[in-house]
Amino acid sequence: MTNLENIEHKIMQSVQLLSAQQQEAVLEFAVSFHPNVAAPVQHSLRDLAKLPLADRQKIISPYLLAMAEDFCNDPTLTEFSVLDSEGWDN
């Protein structure tokens, strides 16, 4: 693991232990270092469902790559894969 990856990993572990409100504060702090990057807008599922499909895709697409990477690399998110090999109806 490179030094940068190690730092990112430690940051993610630390942030995951925080409350949602504290995580929001960390996000606002991190975004403040990049004035040209706007903070992500929070949308409820209901609000997203009301939008046209193209607009929904624009909002969701930046998160898809990160989410896919999380599911490939985070053991807590991939634990369910063990159950995939078992028959649910047996």
N, C-alpha and C. Protein backbone atom coordinates (compact mmCIF):
# COMPACT_ATOMS: atom_id res chain seq x y z
N MET A 1 0.86 -1.17 0.00
CA MET A 1 0.00 0.00 0.00
C MET A 1 0.90 1.23 0.00
N THR A 2 0.67 2.15 -0.95
CA THR A 2 1.47 3.37 -1.01
C THR A 2 1.10 4.28 0.14
N ASN A 3 1.93 5.28 0.36
CA ASN A 3 1.68 6.22 1.45
C ASN A 3 0.34 6.93 1.25
N LEU A 4 0.05 7.34 0.01
CA LEU A 4 -1.22 8.02 -0.27
C LEU A 4 -2.40 7.09 0.00
N GLU A 5 -2.29 5.84 -0.45
CA GLU A 5 -3.37 4.88 -0.19
C GLU A 5 -3.55 4.65 1.30
N ASN A 6 -2.43 4.60 2.03
CA ASN A 6 -2.48 4.40 3.47
C ASN A 6 -3.20 5.57 4.15
N ILE A 7 -2.90 6.78 3.73
CA ILE A 7 -3.56 7.96 4.30
C ILE A 7 -5.05 7.94 3.98
N GLU A 8 -5.39 7.64 2.73
CA GLU A 8 -6.80 7.59 2.33
C GLU A 8 -7.54 6.53 3.15
N HIS A 9 -6.90 5.39 3.35
CA HIS A 9 -7.51 4.30 4.12
C HIS A 9 -7.76 4.75 5.57
N LYS A 10 -6.78 5.40 6.18
CA LYS A 10 -6.93 5.87 7.55
C LYS A 10 -8.04 6.92 7.65
N ILE A 11 -8.11 7.81 6.67
CA ILE A 11 -9.16 8.83 6.66
C ILE A 11 -10.52 8.16 6.58
N MET A 12 -10.67 7.20 5.65
CA MET A 12 -11.96 6.52 5.48
C MET A 12 -12.35 5.78 6.76
N GLN A 13 -11.41 5.11 7.39
CA GLN A 13 -11.72 4.40 8.63
C GLN A 13 -12.18 5.37 9.70
N SER A 14 -11.52 6.50 9.81
CA SER A 14 -11.86 7.50 10.82
C SER A 14 -13.24 8.09 10.56
N VAL A 15 -13.51 8.42 9.31
CA VAL A 15 -14.78 9.05 8.95
C VAL A 15 -15.94 8.08 9.16
N GLN A 16 -15.73 6.81 8.89
CA GLN A 16 -16.80 5.82 9.06
C GLN A 16 -17.24 5.69 10.52
N LEU A 17 -16.39 6.06 11.45
CA LEU A 17 -16.74 5.97 12.87
C LEU A 17 -17.54 7.17 13.36
N LEU A 18 -17.65 8.20 12.52
CA LEU A 18 -18.34 9.44 12.91
C LEU A 18 -19.83 9.33 12.66
N SER A 19 -20.58 10.18 13.34
CA SER A 19 -22.02 10.26 13.10
C SER A 19 -22.25 10.90 11.74
N ALA A 20 -23.46 10.80 11.23
CA ALA A 20 -23.79 11.39 9.94
C ALA A 20 -23.55 12.91 9.95
N GLN A 21 -23.89 13.55 11.04
CA GLN A 21 -23.70 15.00 11.15
C GLN A 21 -22.20 15.34 11.13
N GLN A 22 -21.40 14.55 11.82
CA GLN A 22 -19.96 14.78 11.83
C GLN A 22 -19.36 14.50 10.45
N GLN A 23 -19.86 13.48 9.75
CA GLN A 23 -19.38 13.18 8.40
C GLN A 23 -19.68 14.34 7.46
N GLU A 24 -20.86 14.93 7.62
CA GLU A 24 -21.21 16.10 6.81
C GLU A 24 -20.24 17.25 7.05
N ALA A 25 -19.87 17.46 8.31
CA ALA A 25 -18.92 18.53 8.65
C ALA A 25 -17.55 18.25 8.02
N VAL A 26 -17.14 16.99 8.04
CA VAL A 26 -15.86 16.61 7.42
C VAL A 26 -15.93 16.86 5.92
N LEU A 27 -17.05 16.51 5.29
CA LEU A 27 -17.22 16.75 3.86
C LEU A 27 -17.13 18.23 3.53
N GLU A 28 -17.83 19.04 4.30
CA GLU A 28 -17.78 20.49 4.07
C GLU A 28 -16.36 21.01 4.22
N PHE A 29 -15.64 20.51 5.21
CA PHE A 29 -14.25 20.91 5.43
C PHE A 29 -13.39 20.50 4.23
N ALA A 30 -13.54 19.27 3.77
CA ALA A 30 -12.73 18.78 2.65
C ALA A 30 -13.05 19.57 1.37
N VAL A 31 -14.32 19.85 1.14
CA VAL A 31 -14.72 20.60 -0.06
C VAL A 31 -14.17 22.02 -0.01
N SER A 32 -13.98 22.55 1.20
CA SER A 32 -13.46 23.92 1.31
C SER A 32 -12.04 24.04 0.74
N PHE A 33 -11.33 22.93 0.61
CA PHE A 33 -10.00 22.96 0.00
C PHE A 33 -10.06 23.06 -1.51
N HIS A 34 -11.22 22.79 -2.08
CA HIS A 34 -11.40 22.83 -3.52
C HIS A 34 -12.54 23.79 -3.86
N PRO A 35 -12.26 25.08 -3.90
CA PRO A 35 -13.33 26.06 -4.09
C PRO A 35 -14.07 25.91 -5.42
N ASN A 36 -13.46 25.28 -6.41
CA ASN A 36 -14.12 25.12 -7.72
C ASN A 36 -15.02 23.90 -7.77
N VAL A 37 -14.99 23.09 -6.73
CA VAL A 37 -15.81 21.88 -6.68
C VAL A 37 -16.95 22.11 -5.69
N ALA A 38 -18.16 22.02 -6.18
CA ALA A 38 -19.32 22.23 -5.31
C ALA A 38 -19.55 20.99 -4.45
N ALA A 39 -20.06 21.21 -3.27
CA ALA A 39 -20.43 20.10 -2.39
C ALA A 39 -21.59 19.35 -3.03
N PRO A 40 -21.60 18.02 -2.88
CA PRO A 40 -22.70 17.26 -3.47
C PRO A 40 -24.04 17.67 -2.87
N VAL A 41 -25.02 17.73 -3.74
CA VAL A 41 -26.37 18.09 -3.30
C VAL A 41 -27.06 16.81 -2.83
N GLN A 42 -27.69 16.89 -1.68
CA GLN A 42 -28.40 15.74 -1.14
C GLN A 42 -29.79 15.67 -1.76
N HIS A 43 -30.12 14.52 -2.32
CA HIS A 43 -31.45 14.30 -2.91
C HIS A 43 -32.07 13.11 -2.20
N SER A 44 -33.32 13.23 -1.86
CA SER A 44 -34.02 12.08 -1.30
C SER A 44 -34.39 11.15 -2.45
N LEU A 45 -34.65 9.89 -2.13
CA LEU A 45 -35.07 8.95 -3.17
C LEU A 45 -36.37 9.42 -3.83
N ARG A 46 -37.24 9.99 -3.04
CA ARG A 46 -38.50 10.49 -3.58
C ARG A 46 -38.25 11.62 -4.58
N ASP A 47 -37.33 12.54 -4.22
CA ASP A 47 -37.00 13.64 -5.13
C ASP A 47 -36.37 13.11 -6.42
N LEU A 48 -35.47 12.14 -6.28
CA LEU A 48 -34.85 11.55 -7.46
C LEU A 48 -35.88 10.88 -8.36
N ALA A 49 -36.82 10.19 -7.75
CA ALA A 49 -37.84 9.47 -8.52
C ALA A 49 -38.71 10.42 -9.34
N LYS A 50 -38.85 11.65 -8.89
CA LYS A 50 -39.68 12.63 -9.59
C LYS A 50 -38.98 13.22 -10.81
N LEU A 51 -37.65 13.10 -10.85
CA LEU A 51 -36.89 13.69 -11.95
C LEU A 51 -36.93 12.83 -13.20
N PRO A 52 -36.76 13.45 -14.36
CA PRO A 52 -36.63 12.65 -15.59
C PRO A 52 -35.40 11.75 -15.50
N LEU A 53 -35.44 10.63 -16.19
CA LEU A 53 -34.37 9.64 -16.10
C LEU A 53 -33.00 10.24 -16.42
N ALA A 54 -32.91 11.09 -17.43
CA ALA A 54 -31.63 11.69 -17.81
C ALA A 54 -31.06 12.54 -16.66
N ASP A 55 -31.93 13.27 -15.97
CA ASP A 55 -31.48 14.08 -14.84
C ASP A 55 -31.03 13.20 -13.68
N ARG A 56 -31.75 12.12 -13.44
CA ARG A 56 -31.36 11.18 -12.38
C ARG A 56 -29.97 10.62 -12.66
N GLN A 57 -29.76 10.25 -13.93
CA GLN A 57 -28.47 9.66 -14.30
C GLN A 57 -27.34 10.67 -14.09
N LYS A 58 -27.56 11.94 -14.41
CA LYS A 58 -26.53 12.96 -14.21
C LYS A 58 -26.17 13.09 -12.74
N ILE A 59 -27.15 12.97 -11.87
CA ILE A 59 -26.92 13.12 -10.43
C ILE A 59 -26.22 11.88 -9.87
N ILE A 60 -26.63 10.71 -10.30
CA ILE A 60 -26.14 9.47 -9.72
C ILE A 60 -24.81 9.01 -10.33
N SER A 61 -24.58 9.28 -11.60
CA SER A 61 -23.41 8.71 -12.29
C SER A 61 -22.06 9.00 -11.64
N PRO A 62 -21.82 10.18 -11.06
CA PRO A 62 -20.51 10.39 -10.43
C PRO A 62 -20.24 9.44 -9.26
N TYR A 63 -21.28 8.89 -8.67
CA TYR A 63 -21.12 8.02 -7.51
C TYR A 63 -20.98 6.54 -7.89
N LEU A 64 -21.32 6.19 -9.11
CA LEU A 64 -21.37 4.78 -9.49
C LEU A 64 -20.00 4.11 -9.49
N LEU A 65 -19.00 4.78 -10.03
CA LEU A 65 -17.67 4.19 -10.07
C LEU A 65 -17.14 3.95 -8.66
N ALA A 66 -17.30 4.92 -7.79
CA ALA A 66 -16.84 4.76 -6.41
C ALA A 66 -17.60 3.64 -5.72
N MET A 67 -18.90 3.55 -5.97
CA MET A 67 -19.70 2.51 -5.35
C MET A 67 -19.26 1.13 -5.84
N ALA A 68 -19.03 1.00 -7.14
CA ALA A 68 -18.59 -0.28 -7.69
C ALA A 68 -17.24 -0.68 -7.10
N GLU A 69 -16.34 0.30 -6.96
CA GLU A 69 -15.03 0.02 -6.36
C GLU A 69 -15.18 -0.42 -4.91
N ASP A 70 -16.07 0.24 -4.17
CA ASP A 70 -16.32 -0.14 -2.79
C ASP A 70 -16.78 -1.59 -2.70
N PHE A 71 -17.70 -1.98 -3.56
CA PHE A 71 -18.23 -3.33 -3.50
C PHE A 71 -17.18 -4.37 -3.91
N CYS A 72 -16.22 -3.97 -4.74
CA CYS A 72 -15.16 -4.90 -5.13
C CYS A 72 -14.09 -5.04 -4.05
N ASN A 73 -13.87 -3.97 -3.29
CA ASN A 73 -12.72 -3.95 -2.39
C ASN A 73 -13.04 -3.97 -0.90
N ASP A 74 -14.25 -3.67 -0.51
CA ASP A 74 -14.59 -3.60 0.90
C ASP A 74 -15.18 -4.93 1.36
N PRO A 75 -14.46 -5.66 2.21
CA PRO A 75 -14.95 -6.98 2.62
C PRO A 75 -16.30 -6.95 3.31
N THR A 76 -16.63 -5.87 3.99
CA THR A 76 -17.93 -5.82 4.66
C THR A 76 -19.07 -5.70 3.66
N LEU A 77 -18.78 -5.19 2.47
CA LEU A 77 -19.82 -5.09 1.45
C LEU A 77 -19.89 -6.33 0.57
N THR A 78 -18.86 -7.14 0.60
CA THR A 78 -18.85 -8.33 -0.26
C THR A 78 -19.15 -9.61 0.50
N GLU A 79 -19.42 -9.52 1.79
CA GLU A 79 -19.71 -10.72 2.58
C GLU A 79 -20.92 -11.48 2.05
N PHE A 80 -21.87 -10.77 1.46
CA PHE A 80 -23.07 -11.43 0.95
C PHE A 80 -22.74 -12.37 -0.20
N SER A 81 -21.58 -12.20 -0.83
CA SER A 81 -21.23 -13.05 -1.96
C SER A 81 -21.09 -14.51 -1.55
N VAL A 82 -20.77 -14.77 -0.29
CA VAL A 82 -20.70 -16.14 0.21
C VAL A 82 -22.06 -16.79 0.09
N LEU A 83 -23.11 -16.04 0.33
CA LEU A 83 -24.46 -16.58 0.27
C LEU A 83 -24.90 -16.85 -1.16
N ASP A 84 -24.26 -16.20 -2.13
CA ASP A 84 -24.64 -16.40 -3.54
C ASP A 84 -24.44 -17.86 -3.98
N SER A 85 -23.50 -18.55 -3.35
CA SER A 85 -23.22 -19.92 -3.75
C SER A 85 -24.19 -20.91 -3.09
N GLU A 86 -24.93 -20.45 -2.11
CA GLU A 86 -25.88 -21.34 -1.42
C GLU A 86 -27.27 -21.17 -2.02
N GLY A 87 -28.01 -22.23 -2.05
CA GLY A 87 -29.37 -22.15 -2.53
C GLY A 87 -30.28 -21.55 -1.47
N TRP A 88 -31.00 -20.52 -1.81
CA TRP A 88 -31.90 -19.88 -0.86
C TRP A 88 -33.11 -20.74 -0.55
N ASP A 89 -33.53 -21.55 -1.51
CA ASP A 89 -34.75 -22.33 -1.33
C ASP A 89 -34.50 -23.68 -0.70
N ASN A 90 -33.26 -24.06 -0.46
CA ASN A 90 -32.96 -25.39 0.08
C ASN A 90 -33.15 -25.44 1.56
